[in-house]
Amino acid sequence: MAKKKHSSIVMATYNGEKYLSEQLESFCKQTVLPDELVVSDDNSKDATKEIILNFAKTAPFKVLFVENNHNSGVVKNFENALKHAKGDIIFFSDQDDYWLSNKIEKYMSVFEDNKEIAYIFSDLKVADENLNDLGKSLYSPKTAELAHNYEKTPLAAFKDIISVKVFVNGATSAFRREFLSLICPVPVTTMLHDGWTAALISAVAKVKFLSEKYSLYRQHRNNVVGYRGYSFLLRLKNAAKENKQRKIDELNCLRLLLKRLNDLNITHKQESTSFLMNKIEILERHIKLYETNKASRAFSLIYDLTAGNYNVYFQKMKSFCTDLAAMLTN
């Protein structure tokens, strides 16, 4: 008989007293309970620590609380939690969401039924501050359709993540423990811990997307998904202003991903590294364009558009329009 897989929830907290208790409550209401909850706290100044320790006294599963002596930031806080997790399957959790009762059961069942699946993520329900369902999904139907092909199409998830066609919300994700050595240490980049994890695992193993929703994502003033309060033109203008720095940040992330994949003895990574190197070359060229005249910038971007580079490595026309606006206004 196969050995039962154990699950760990890893949560990074910081001044989370307002919503934390409801998230902890949702763990206790799971149809299949986690085997452990690992909480790393980033030197909170509110009642977060007290809430966790009181919860641990009566929780129907093991609770491990670790804390940082100083504020280390969200990435290193999650990394600290990861280092203490013992489960075979590791779930990321935010401190302010709410899990629906069948989440762990469904994910564990998928991992058990398909040994090749290394990473799972899903859609979620967007809720207001009081957890009232707003009738919105994280993913559009078009994005969900893309993600449905990940299990059957090698590297499709990796390419969509690197080209930013799909954003993987870490709070909906879980992965197999054997990939911890690939993920850690987690560098502090604009990808954060969840983007880093999704990118690396999808570069070398199978990913599955679940269109069903297993979490409520709480919208509040400090945490808003997909906000569209500004006009398209204003968003385009703001994106253009930040374009060069964003490309530099992305370039640094991709170089770190490439180095991690090359440093480790991993099979089946050649296509992933080739894709990374191609995008790195394009980003390097785009950054250098800021040193040229505007005509040269426009010509180079139009070349990338007609050559298909924007379709393959970026968000198609959206990225082209943003780049062109940035190059012609800076």
C-alpha atoms as a PDB file:
ATOM      1  CA  MET A   1       0.000   0.000   0.000  1.00  0.00           C
ATOM      2  CA  ALA A   2       1.299   3.434  -0.941  1.00  0.00           C
ATOM      3  CA  LYS A   3       2.313   5.641   1.927  1.00  0.00           C
ATOM      4  CA  LYS A   4      -0.114   8.467   2.700  1.00  0.00           C
ATOM      5  CA  LYS A   5       1.075  11.863   1.516  1.00  0.00           C
ATOM      6  CA  HIS A   6       1.343  14.493   4.224  1.00  0.00           C
ATOM      7  CA  SER A   7       0.481  18.127   3.615  1.00  0.00           C
ATOM      8  CA  SER A   8       1.936  21.355   4.930  1.00  0.00           C
ATOM      9  CA  ILE A   9       0.432  24.816   4.721  1.00  0.00           C
ATOM     10  CA  VAL A  10       3.069  27.545   4.759  1.00  0.00           C
ATOM     11  CA  MET A  11       1.924  31.031   5.678  1.00  0.00           C
ATOM     12  CA  ALA A  12       3.861  34.264   5.992  1.00  0.00           C
ATOM     13  CA  THR A  13       2.321  36.795   8.362  1.00  0.00           C
ATOM     14  CA  TYR A  14       2.894  40.451   9.079  1.00  0.00           C
ATOM     15  CA  ASN A  15       0.494  42.608  11.088  1.00  0.00           C
ATOM     16  CA  GLY A  16      -2.323  40.323  10.000  1.00  0.00           C
ATOM     17  CA  GLU A  17      -4.583  40.467  13.042  1.00  0.00           C
ATOM     18  CA  LYS A  18      -7.614  41.876  11.203  1.00  0.00           C
ATOM     19  CA  TYR A  19      -8.342  38.871   8.970  1.00  0.00           C
ATOM     20  CA  LEU A  20      -6.074  36.104  10.229  1.00  0.00           C
ATOM     21  CA  SER A  21      -8.557  34.294  12.469  1.00  0.00           C
ATOM     22  CA  GLU A  22     -10.983  33.675   9.598  1.00  0.00           C
ATOM     23  CA  GLN A  23      -8.246  32.164   7.450  1.00  0.00           C
ATOM     24  CA  LEU A  24      -7.174  29.876  10.296  1.00  0.00           C
ATOM     25  CA  GLU A  25     -10.796  28.887  10.803  1.00  0.00           C
ATOM     26  CA  SER A  26     -11.039  27.870   7.141  1.00  0.00           C
ATOM     27  CA  PHE A  27      -8.133  25.443   7.627  1.00  0.00           C
ATOM     28  CA  CYS A  28     -10.033  23.705  10.430  1.00  0.00           C
ATOM     29  CA  LYS A  29     -13.120  23.335   8.225  1.00  0.00           C
ATOM     30  CA  GLN A  30     -11.291  21.390   5.508  1.00  0.00           C
ATOM     31  CA  THR A  31     -12.821  18.026   4.597  1.00  0.00           C
ATOM     32  CA  VAL A  32      -9.245  16.717   4.655  1.00  0.00           C
ATOM     33  CA  LEU A  33      -7.219  18.466   7.324  1.00  0.00           C
ATOM     34  CA  PRO A  34      -3.617  19.534   6.745  1.00  0.00           C
ATOM     35  CA  ASP A  35      -0.948  17.627   8.643  1.00  0.00           C
ATOM     36  CA  GLU A  36       0.751  20.830   9.700  1.00  0.00           C
ATOM     37  CA  LEU A  37       0.595  24.587   9.460  1.00  0.00           C
ATOM     38  CA  VAL A  38       3.900  26.454   9.413  1.00  0.00           C
ATOM     39  CA  VAL A  39       3.661  30.178  10.116  1.00  0.00           C
ATOM     40  CA  SER A  40       6.608  32.528   9.739  1.00  0.00           C
ATOM     41  CA  ASP A  41       5.984  35.964  11.189  1.00  0.00           C
ATOM     42  CA  ASP A  42       7.914  39.009  10.010  1.00  0.00           C
ATOM     43  CA  ASN A  43       8.216  40.815  13.344  1.00  0.00           C
ATOM     44  CA  SER A  44       4.558  41.874  13.552  1.00  0.00           C
ATOM     45  CA  LYS A  45       3.671  44.732  15.872  1.00  0.00           C
ATOM     46  CA  ASP A  46       0.040  43.771  16.379  1.00  0.00           C
ATOM     47  CA  ALA A  47      -1.691  40.703  17.874  1.00  0.00           C
ATOM     48  CA  THR A  48      -0.706  38.303  15.061  1.00  0.00           C
ATOM     49  CA  LYS A  49       1.611  36.211  17.245  1.00  0.00           C
ATOM     50  CA  GLU A  50      -0.966  35.928  20.016  1.00  0.00           C
ATOM     51  CA  ILE A  51      -3.661  34.842  17.551  1.00  0.00           C
ATOM     52  CA  ILE A  52      -1.437  32.093  16.116  1.00  0.00           C
ATOM     53  CA  LEU A  53      -0.280  30.777  19.492  1.00  0.00           C
ATOM     54  CA  ASN A  54      -3.824  30.678  20.857  1.00  0.00           C
ATOM     55  CA  PHE A  55      -4.997  28.903  17.712  1.00  0.00           C
ATOM     56  CA  ALA A  56      -2.213  26.325  18.079  1.00  0.00           C
ATOM     57  CA  LYS A  57      -3.544  25.264  21.494  1.00  0.00           C
ATOM     58  CA  THR A  58      -6.751  23.810  20.041  1.00  0.00           C
ATOM     59  CA  ALA A  59      -5.971  23.246  16.353  1.00  0.00           C
ATOM     60  CA  PRO A  60      -6.707  19.689  15.106  1.00  0.00           C
ATOM     61  CA  PHE A  61      -3.273  19.564  13.449  1.00  0.00           C
ATOM     62  CA  LYS A  62       0.290  20.538  14.256  1.00  0.00           C
ATOM     63  CA  VAL A  63       1.066  24.267  14.228  1.00  0.00           C
ATOM     64  CA  LEU A  64       4.651  25.513  14.082  1.00  0.00           C
ATOM     65  CA  PHE A  65       5.237  29.212  14.697  1.00  0.00           C
ATOM     66  CA  VAL A  66       8.594  30.778  13.823  1.00  0.00           C
ATOM     67  CA  GLU A  67       9.417  34.462  13.825  1.00  0.00           C
ATOM     68  CA  ASN A  68      12.026  36.775  12.386  1.00  0.00           C
ATOM     69  CA  ASN A  69      14.014  39.075  14.656  1.00  0.00           C
ATOM     70  CA  HIS A  70      13.657  41.872  12.129  1.00  0.00           C
ATOM     71  CA  ASN A  71      11.470  42.669   9.148  1.00  0.00           C
ATOM     72  CA  SER A  72      12.854  40.616   6.254  1.00  0.00           C
ATOM     73  CA  GLY A  73      10.131  41.175   3.630  1.00  0.00           C
ATOM     74  CA  VAL A  74       7.514  38.858   2.165  1.00  0.00           C
ATOM     75  CA  VAL A  75       9.894  36.766   0.042  1.00  0.00           C
ATOM     76  CA  LYS A  76      12.302  35.829   2.820  1.00  0.00           C
ATOM     77  CA  ASN A  77       9.420  35.415   5.241  1.00  0.00           C
ATOM     78  CA  PHE A  78       7.855  32.778   2.984  1.00  0.00           C
ATOM     79  CA  GLU A  79      11.252  31.186   2.466  1.00  0.00           C
ATOM     80  CA  ASN A  80      11.624  30.866   6.227  1.00  0.00           C
ATOM     81  CA  ALA A  81       8.295  29.054   6.409  1.00  0.00           C
ATOM     82  CA  LEU A  82       9.296  26.765   3.538  1.00  0.00           C
ATOM     83  CA  LYS A  83      12.493  25.758   5.332  1.00  0.00           C
ATOM     84  CA  HIS A  84      10.465  24.426   8.267  1.00  0.00           C
ATOM     85  CA  ALA A  85       7.793  22.552   6.270  1.00  0.00           C
ATOM     86  CA  LYS A  86       7.868  18.743   6.529  1.00  0.00           C
ATOM     87  CA  GLY A  87       4.953  17.744   4.291  1.00  0.00           C
ATOM     88  CA  ASP A  88       5.118  15.874   0.989  1.00  0.00           C
ATOM     89  CA  ILE A  89       2.755  18.434  -0.552  1.00  0.00           C
ATOM     90  CA  ILE A  90       3.240  22.101   0.311  1.00  0.00           C
ATOM     91  CA  PHE A  91       0.473  24.694   0.059  1.00  0.00           C
ATOM     92  CA  PHE A  92       1.107  28.439  -0.011  1.00  0.00           C
ATOM     93  CA  SER A  93      -1.352  30.555   1.952  1.00  0.00           C
ATOM     94  CA  ASP A  94      -1.878  34.271   2.416  1.00  0.00           C
ATOM     95  CA  GLN A  95      -2.943  35.597   5.809  1.00  0.00           C
ATOM     96  CA  ASP A  96      -6.120  37.346   4.685  1.00  0.00           C
ATOM     97  CA  ASP A  97      -7.937  34.923   2.354  1.00  0.00           C
ATOM     98  CA  TYR A  98     -10.406  32.119   3.110  1.00  0.00           C
ATOM     99  CA  TRP A  99     -10.173  28.549   1.843  1.00  0.00           C
ATOM    100  CA  LEU A 100     -13.281  26.689   0.716  1.00  0.00           C
ATOM    101  CA  SER A 101     -13.744  23.429   2.569  1.00  0.00           C
ATOM    102  CA  ASN A 102     -12.758  20.987  -0.204  1.00  0.00           C
ATOM    103  CA  LYS A 103      -9.498  22.644  -1.274  1.00  0.00           C
ATOM    104  CA  ILE A 104      -6.971  20.320   0.365  1.00  0.00           C
ATOM    105  CA  GLU A 105      -9.016  17.218  -0.473  1.00  0.00           C
ATOM    106  CA  LYS A 106      -9.181  18.125  -4.166  1.00  0.00           C
ATOM    107  CA  TYR A 107      -5.525  19.057  -4.517  1.00  0.00           C
ATOM    108  CA  MET A 108      -4.276  15.977  -2.672  1.00  0.00           C
ATOM    109  CA  SER A 109      -6.500  13.782  -4.834  1.00  0.00           C
ATOM    110  CA  VAL A 110      -5.022  15.260  -8.023  1.00  0.00           C
ATOM    111  CA  PHE A 111      -1.470  14.756  -6.776  1.00  0.00           C
ATOM    112  CA  GLU A 112      -2.281  11.187  -5.780  1.00  0.00           C
ATOM    113  CA  ASP A 113      -3.934  10.308  -9.091  1.00  0.00           C
ATOM    114  CA  ASN A 114      -1.173  11.707 -11.284  1.00  0.00           C
ATOM    115  CA  LYS A 115       2.378  11.236 -10.047  1.00  0.00           C
ATOM    116  CA  GLU A 116       3.760  13.406 -12.854  1.00  0.00           C
ATOM    117  CA  ILE A 117       1.937  16.533 -11.704  1.00  0.00           C
ATOM    118  CA  ALA A 118       4.417  18.637  -9.740  1.00  0.00           C
ATOM    119  CA  TYR A 119       2.511  21.882  -9.293  1.00  0.00           C
ATOM    120  CA  ILE A 120      -1.171  22.796  -9.089  1.00  0.00           C
ATOM    121  CA  PHE A 121      -2.856  26.168  -9.134  1.00  0.00           C
ATOM    122  CA  SER A 122      -6.487  27.144  -9.507  1.00  0.00           C
ATOM    123  CA  ASP A 123      -8.943  29.934 -10.061  1.00  0.00           C
ATOM    124  CA  LEU A 124     -10.455  31.706  -7.073  1.00  0.00           C
ATOM    125  CA  LYS A 125     -13.450  33.801  -6.099  1.00  0.00           C
ATOM    126  CA  VAL A 126     -12.902  37.503  -5.537  1.00  0.00           C
ATOM    127  CA  ALA A 127     -14.626  38.704  -2.359  1.00  0.00           C
ATOM    128  CA  ASP A 128     -15.045  41.999  -0.568  1.00  0.00           C
ATOM    129  CA  GLU A 129     -13.556  42.886   2.793  1.00  0.00           C
ATOM    130  CA  ASN A 130     -16.272  40.888   4.570  1.00  0.00           C
ATOM    131  CA  LEU A 131     -15.852  37.796   2.361  1.00  0.00           C
ATOM    132  CA  ASN A 132     -18.986  38.450   0.327  1.00  0.00           C
ATOM    133  CA  ASP A 133     -18.541  36.857  -3.092  1.00  0.00           C
ATOM    134  CA  LEU A 134     -18.325  39.599  -5.742  1.00  0.00           C
ATOM    135  CA  GLY A 135     -19.058  37.181  -8.567  1.00  0.00           C
ATOM    136  CA  LYS A 136     -15.626  37.690 -10.114  1.00  0.00           C
ATOM    137  CA  SER A 137     -12.894  35.227 -11.008  1.00  0.00           C
ATOM    138  CA  LEU A 138      -9.152  35.761 -10.940  1.00  0.00           C
ATOM    139  CA  TYR A 139      -8.822  34.451 -14.500  1.00  0.00           C
ATOM    140  CA  SER A 140     -10.679  35.524 -17.598  1.00  0.00           C
ATOM    141  CA  PRO A 141     -12.229  32.758 -19.732  1.00  0.00           C
ATOM    142  CA  LYS A 142      -9.442  33.282 -22.286  1.00  0.00           C
ATOM    143  CA  THR A 143      -6.695  32.872 -19.686  1.00  0.00           C
ATOM    144  CA  ALA A 144      -8.402  29.844 -18.157  1.00  0.00           C
ATOM    145  CA  GLU A 145      -8.587  28.254 -21.607  1.00  0.00           C
ATOM    146  CA  LEU A 146      -4.835  28.758 -22.004  1.00  0.00           C
ATOM    147  CA  ALA A 147      -4.135  27.217 -18.617  1.00  0.00           C
ATOM    148  CA  HIS A 148      -6.261  24.136 -19.299  1.00  0.00           C
ATOM    149  CA  ASN A 149      -3.655  22.959 -21.807  1.00  0.00           C
ATOM    150  CA  TYR A 150      -0.741  23.014 -19.383  1.00  0.00           C
ATOM    151  CA  GLU A 151      -0.977  19.403 -18.266  1.00  0.00           C
ATOM    152  CA  LYS A 152      -0.915  18.093 -21.839  1.00  0.00           C
ATOM    153  CA  THR A 153       1.467  20.603 -23.426  1.00  0.00           C
ATOM    154  CA  PRO A 154       5.066  20.462 -22.163  1.00  0.00           C
ATOM    155  CA  LEU A 155       6.443  23.857 -21.098  1.00  0.00           C
ATOM    156  CA  ALA A 156       3.257  25.736 -22.044  1.00  0.00           C
ATOM    157  CA  ALA A 157       2.871  26.940 -18.455  1.00  0.00           C
ATOM    158  CA  PHE A 158       6.522  27.967 -18.234  1.00  0.00           C
ATOM    159  CA  LYS A 159       6.354  29.958 -21.460  1.00  0.00           C
ATOM    160  CA  ASP A 160       3.129  31.709 -20.445  1.00  0.00           C
ATOM    161  CA  ILE A 161       4.579  32.604 -17.034  1.00  0.00           C
ATOM    162  CA  ILE A 162       7.811  33.958 -18.514  1.00  0.00           C
ATOM    163  CA  SER A 163       5.927  35.903 -21.188  1.00  0.00           C
ATOM    164  CA  VAL A 164       3.523  37.175 -18.482  1.00  0.00           C
ATOM    165  CA  LYS A 165       0.477  35.886 -20.354  1.00  0.00           C
ATOM    166  CA  VAL A 166      -0.611  34.110 -17.166  1.00  0.00           C
ATOM    167  CA  PHE A 167      -0.119  35.302 -13.612  1.00  0.00           C
ATOM    168  CA  VAL A 168      -0.050  32.476 -11.074  1.00  0.00           C
ATOM    169  CA  ASN A 169      -1.496  33.515  -7.738  1.00  0.00           C
ATOM    170  CA  GLY A 170       0.661  31.751  -5.173  1.00  0.00           C
ATOM    171  CA  ALA A 171      -2.171  31.537  -2.666  1.00  0.00           C
ATOM    172  CA  THR A 172      -3.909  29.040  -4.980  1.00  0.00           C
ATOM    173  CA  SER A 173      -0.834  26.869  -5.481  1.00  0.00           C
ATOM    174  CA  ALA A 174       0.631  23.658  -4.087  1.00  0.00           C
ATOM    175  CA  PHE A 175       3.668  21.633  -5.110  1.00  0.00           C
ATOM    176  CA  ARG A 176       5.627  18.495  -4.319  1.00  0.00           C
ATOM    177  CA  ARG A 177       8.308  18.684  -1.656  1.00  0.00           C
ATOM    178  CA  GLU A 178      11.052  17.302  -3.895  1.00  0.00           C
ATOM    179  CA  PHE A 179      11.187  20.656  -5.691  1.00  0.00           C
ATOM    180  CA  LEU A 180      12.205  22.595  -2.577  1.00  0.00           C
ATOM    181  CA  SER A 181      15.889  22.242  -3.446  1.00  0.00           C
ATOM    182  CA  LEU A 182      15.162  23.840  -6.814  1.00  0.00           C
ATOM    183  CA  ILE A 183      13.217  26.733  -5.304  1.00  0.00           C
ATOM    184  CA  CYS A 184      15.344  27.621  -2.276  1.00  0.00           C
ATOM    185  CA  PRO A 185      17.044  29.918  -1.646  1.00  0.00           C
ATOM    186  CA  VAL A 186      14.472  32.333  -3.029  1.00  0.00           C
ATOM    187  CA  PRO A 187      16.017  35.601  -4.249  1.00  0.00           C
ATOM    188  CA  VAL A 188      14.331  38.920  -3.583  1.00  0.00           C
ATOM    189  CA  THR A 189      13.031  39.968  -7.002  1.00  0.00           C
ATOM    190  CA  THR A 190       9.898  41.453  -8.513  1.00  0.00           C
ATOM    191  CA  MET A 191       8.677  37.889  -9.192  1.00  0.00           C
ATOM    192  CA  LEU A 192       8.238  37.364  -5.447  1.00  0.00           C
ATOM    193  CA  HIS A 193       8.189  33.845  -4.005  1.00  0.00           C
ATOM    194  CA  ASP A 194       5.147  32.584  -5.897  1.00  0.00           C
ATOM    195  CA  GLY A 195       6.260  33.669  -9.358  1.00  0.00           C
ATOM    196  CA  TRP A 196       9.729  32.244  -8.716  1.00  0.00           C
ATOM    197  CA  THR A 197       8.286  28.915  -7.579  1.00  0.00           C
ATOM    198  CA  ALA A 198       5.843  28.610 -10.469  1.00  0.00           C
ATOM    199  CA  ALA A 199       8.475  29.517 -13.059  1.00  0.00           C
ATOM    200  CA  LEU A 200      11.109  27.066 -11.849  1.00  0.00           C
ATOM    201  CA  ILE A 201       8.826  24.078 -11.373  1.00  0.00           C
ATOM    202  CA  SER A 202       7.051  24.658 -14.686  1.00  0.00           C
ATOM    203  CA  ALA A 203      10.463  24.757 -16.397  1.00  0.00           C
ATOM    204  CA  VAL A 204      11.186  21.138 -15.522  1.00  0.00           C
ATOM    205  CA  ALA A 205       7.912  19.398 -14.606  1.00  0.00           C
ATOM    206  CA  LYS A 206       4.180  19.168 -15.279  1.00  0.00           C
ATOM    207  CA  VAL A 207       1.710  21.786 -14.098  1.00  0.00           C
ATOM    208  CA  LYS A 208      -2.049  21.412 -13.721  1.00  0.00           C
ATOM    209  CA  PHE A 209      -4.629  24.192 -13.619  1.00  0.00           C
ATOM    210  CA  LEU A 210      -7.961  23.672 -11.864  1.00  0.00           C
ATOM    211  CA  SER A 211     -10.736  25.903 -13.181  1.00  0.00           C
ATOM    212  CA  GLU A 212     -12.836  25.308 -10.079  1.00  0.00           C
ATOM    213  CA  LYS A 213     -12.499  27.909  -7.323  1.00  0.00           C
ATOM    214  CA  TYR A 214     -11.154  26.791  -3.954  1.00  0.00           C
ATOM    215  CA  SER A 215     -10.454  30.100  -2.214  1.00  0.00           C
ATOM    216  CA  LEU A 216     -11.992  33.479  -1.524  1.00  0.00           C
ATOM    217  CA  TYR A 217      -9.565  36.279  -2.342  1.00  0.00           C
ATOM    218  CA  ARG A 218     -10.343  39.145  -0.022  1.00  0.00           C
ATOM    219  CA  GLN A 219     -10.123  42.592  -1.610  1.00  0.00           C
ATOM    220  CA  HIS A 220      -9.208  45.399   0.745  1.00  0.00           C
ATOM    221  CA  ARG A 221      -7.306  48.644   0.575  1.00  0.00           C
ATOM    222  CA  ASN A 222      -3.903  46.952   0.816  1.00  0.00           C
ATOM    223  CA  ASN A 223      -4.616  44.014  -1.470  1.00  0.00           C
ATOM    224  CA  VAL A 224      -6.605  44.486  -4.683  1.00  0.00           C
ATOM    225  CA  VAL A 225      -6.584  42.086  -7.654  1.00  0.00           C
ATOM    226  CA  GLY A 226      -7.170  43.296 -11.158  1.00  0.00           C
ATOM    227  CA  TYR A 227      -8.177  46.834 -10.269  1.00  0.00           C
ATOM    228  CA  ARG A 228      -9.345  48.725 -13.331  1.00  0.00           C
ATOM    229  CA  GLY A 229     -10.342  52.099 -11.903  1.00  0.00           C
ATOM    230  CA  TYR A 230      -8.166  54.042 -14.329  1.00  0.00           C
ATOM    231  CA  SER A 231      -8.735  54.510 -18.033  1.00  0.00           C
ATOM    232  CA  PHE A 232      -6.755  52.399 -20.482  1.00  0.00           C
ATOM    233  CA  LEU A 233      -4.871  55.471 -21.721  1.00  0.00           C
ATOM    234  CA  LEU A 234      -3.863  56.495 -18.205  1.00  0.00           C
ATOM    235  CA  ARG A 235      -2.721  52.950 -17.395  1.00  0.00           C
ATOM    236  CA  LEU A 236      -0.741  52.911 -20.641  1.00  0.00           C
ATOM    237  CA  LYS A 237       0.856  56.263 -19.787  1.00  0.00           C
ATOM    238  CA  ASN A 238       1.820  55.081 -16.301  1.00  0.00           C
ATOM    239  CA  ALA A 239       3.213  51.815 -17.660  1.00  0.00           C
ATOM    240  CA  ALA A 240       5.260  53.716 -20.232  1.00  0.00           C
ATOM    241  CA  LYS A 241       6.877  55.835 -17.524  1.00  0.00           C
ATOM    242  CA  GLU A 242       8.027  52.735 -15.667  1.00  0.00           C
ATOM    243  CA  ASN A 243       8.893  50.716 -18.754  1.00  0.00           C
ATOM    244  CA  LYS A 244      12.684  50.829 -18.666  1.00  0.00           C
ATOM    245  CA  GLN A 245      12.995  49.975 -14.982  1.00  0.00           C
ATOM    246  CA  ARG A 246      10.435  47.200 -15.338  1.00  0.00           C
ATOM    247  CA  LYS A 247      12.483  45.680 -18.159  1.00  0.00           C
ATOM    248  CA  ILE A 248      15.646  45.905 -16.052  1.00  0.00           C
ATOM    249  CA  ASP A 249      13.878  44.199 -13.144  1.00  0.00           C
ATOM    250  CA  GLU A 250      12.507  41.475 -15.411  1.00  0.00           C
ATOM    251  CA  LEU A 251      15.927  40.946 -16.975  1.00  0.00           C
ATOM    252  CA  ASN A 252      17.493  40.473 -13.543  1.00  0.00           C
ATOM    253  CA  CYS A 253      14.795  37.926 -12.626  1.00  0.00           C
ATOM    254  CA  LEU A 254      15.288  35.907 -15.794  1.00  0.00           C
ATOM    255  CA  ARG A 255      19.059  35.857 -15.372  1.00  0.00           C
ATOM    256  CA  LEU A 256      18.612  34.442 -11.872  1.00  0.00           C
ATOM    257  CA  LEU A 257      16.175  31.799 -13.147  1.00  0.00           C
ATOM    258  CA  LEU A 258      18.601  30.806 -15.883  1.00  0.00           C
ATOM    259  CA  LYS A 259      21.481  30.578 -13.428  1.00  0.00           C
ATOM    260  CA  ARG A 260      19.453  28.402 -11.041  1.00  0.00           C
ATOM    261  CA  LEU A 261      18.485  26.001 -13.821  1.00  0.00           C
ATOM    262  CA  ASN A 262      22.064  25.824 -15.080  1.00  0.00           C
ATOM    263  CA  ASP A 263      23.582  25.398 -11.613  1.00  0.00           C
ATOM    264  CA  LEU A 264      21.494  22.343 -10.755  1.00  0.00           C
ATOM    265  CA  ASN A 265      21.811  18.939 -12.380  1.00  0.00           C
ATOM    266  CA  ILE A 266      18.340  18.883 -13.888  1.00  0.00           C
ATOM    267  CA  THR A 267      17.265  16.914 -16.930  1.00  0.00           C
ATOM    268  CA  HIS A 268      14.728  18.104 -19.517  1.00  0.00           C
ATOM    269  CA  LYS A 269      15.664  21.771 -19.139  1.00  0.00           C
ATOM    270  CA  GLN A 270      17.201  22.578 -22.535  1.00  0.00           C
ATOM    271  CA  GLU A 271      14.044  24.020 -24.094  1.00  0.00           C
ATOM    272  CA  SER A 272      13.350  26.050 -20.943  1.00  0.00           C
ATOM    273  CA  THR A 273      16.817  27.557 -20.840  1.00  0.00           C
ATOM    274  CA  SER A 274      16.716  28.299 -24.571  1.00  0.00           C
ATOM    275  CA  PHE A 275      13.433  30.162 -24.130  1.00  0.00           C
ATOM    276  CA  LEU A 276      14.921  32.151 -21.244  1.00  0.00           C
ATOM    277  CA  MET A 277      18.055  33.026 -23.181  1.00  0.00           C
ATOM    278  CA  ASN A 278      16.015  34.245 -26.143  1.00  0.00           C
ATOM    279  CA  LYS A 279      13.901  36.541 -23.985  1.00  0.00           C
ATOM    280  CA  ILE A 280      16.976  37.773 -22.109  1.00  0.00           C
ATOM    281  CA  GLU A 281      18.566  38.746 -25.434  1.00  0.00           C
ATOM    282  CA  ILE A 282      15.449  40.669 -26.464  1.00  0.00           C
ATOM    283  CA  LEU A 283      15.217  42.492 -23.120  1.00  0.00           C
ATOM    284  CA  GLU A 284      18.890  43.455 -23.269  1.00  0.00           C
ATOM    285  CA  ARG A 285      18.349  44.861 -26.737  1.00  0.00           C
ATOM    286  CA  HIS A 286      15.221  46.772 -25.667  1.00  0.00           C
ATOM    287  CA  ILE A 287      17.034  48.359 -22.723  1.00  0.00           C
ATOM    288  CA  LYS A 288      19.866  49.499 -24.985  1.00  0.00           C
ATOM    289  CA  LEU A 289      17.312  51.142 -27.284  1.00  0.00           C
ATOM    290  CA  TYR A 290      16.893  53.929 -24.741  1.00  0.00           C
ATOM    291  CA  GLU A 291      20.385  55.086 -25.767  1.00  0.00           C
ATOM    292  CA  THR A 292      19.346  55.473 -29.424  1.00  0.00           C
ATOM    293  CA  ASN A 293      17.114  57.929 -31.267  1.00  0.00           C
ATOM    294  CA  LYS A 294      13.352  57.462 -31.379  1.00  0.00           C
ATOM    295  CA  ALA A 295      13.291  56.346 -35.000  1.00  0.00           C
ATOM    296  CA  SER A 296      15.694  53.494 -34.240  1.00  0.00           C
ATOM    297  CA  ARG A 297      13.609  52.524 -31.227  1.00  0.00           C
ATOM    298  CA  ALA A 298      10.397  52.380 -33.222  1.00  0.00           C
ATOM    299  CA  PHE A 299      12.029  50.424 -36.060  1.00  0.00           C
ATOM    300  CA  SER A 300      13.427  47.817 -33.650  1.00  0.00           C
ATOM    301  CA  LEU A 301      10.095  47.350 -31.873  1.00  0.00           C
ATOM    302  CA  ILE A 302       8.219  47.008 -35.157  1.00  0.00           C
ATOM    303  CA  TYR A 303      10.761  44.396 -36.208  1.00  0.00           C
ATOM    304  CA  ASP A 304      10.064  42.396 -33.027  1.00  0.00           C
ATOM    305  CA  LEU A 305       6.339  42.669 -33.674  1.00  0.00           C
ATOM    306  CA  THR A 306       6.545  41.442 -37.267  1.00  0.00           C
ATOM    307  CA  ALA A 307       9.046  38.718 -36.338  1.00  0.00           C
ATOM    308  CA  GLY A 308       6.556  37.343 -33.818  1.00  0.00           C
ATOM    309  CA  ASN A 309       8.662  38.064 -30.739  1.00  0.00           C
ATOM    310  CA  TYR A 310       5.867  39.974 -29.026  1.00  0.00           C
ATOM    311  CA  ASN A 311       3.515  37.036 -29.550  1.00  0.00           C
ATOM    312  CA  VAL A 312       5.980  34.498 -28.153  1.00  0.00           C
ATOM    313  CA  TYR A 313       7.846  36.325 -25.390  1.00  0.00           C
ATOM    314  CA  PHE A 314       5.480  39.106 -24.281  1.00  0.00           C
ATOM    315  CA  GLN A 315       1.800  40.001 -23.960  1.00  0.00           C
ATOM    316  CA  LYS A 316       1.387  40.501 -27.690  1.00  0.00           C
ATOM    317  CA  MET A 317      -0.062  43.885 -28.759  1.00  0.00           C
ATOM    318  CA  LYS A 318      -0.461  45.078 -25.174  1.00  0.00           C
ATOM    319  CA  SER A 319       3.293  44.863 -24.613  1.00  0.00           C
ATOM    320  CA  PHE A 320       4.084  46.346 -28.017  1.00  0.00           C
ATOM    321  CA  CYS A 321       1.856  49.385 -27.421  1.00  0.00           C
ATOM    322  CA  THR A 322       3.334  49.940 -23.958  1.00  0.00           C
ATOM    323  CA  ASP A 323       6.895  49.647 -25.250  1.00  0.00           C
ATOM    324  CA  LEU A 324       6.234  51.919 -28.208  1.00  0.00           C
ATOM    325  CA  ALA A 325       4.611  54.567 -26.002  1.00  0.00           C
ATOM    326  CA  ALA A 326       7.545  54.396 -23.601  1.00  0.00           C
ATOM    327  CA  MET A 327      10.184  54.563 -26.301  1.00  0.00           C
ATOM    328  CA  LEU A 328       8.566  57.552 -28.015  1.00  0.00           C
ATOM    329  CA  THR A 329       7.855  59.565 -24.855  1.00  0.00           C
ATOM    330  CA  ASN A 330      11.102  59.091 -22.929  1.00  0.00           C
END
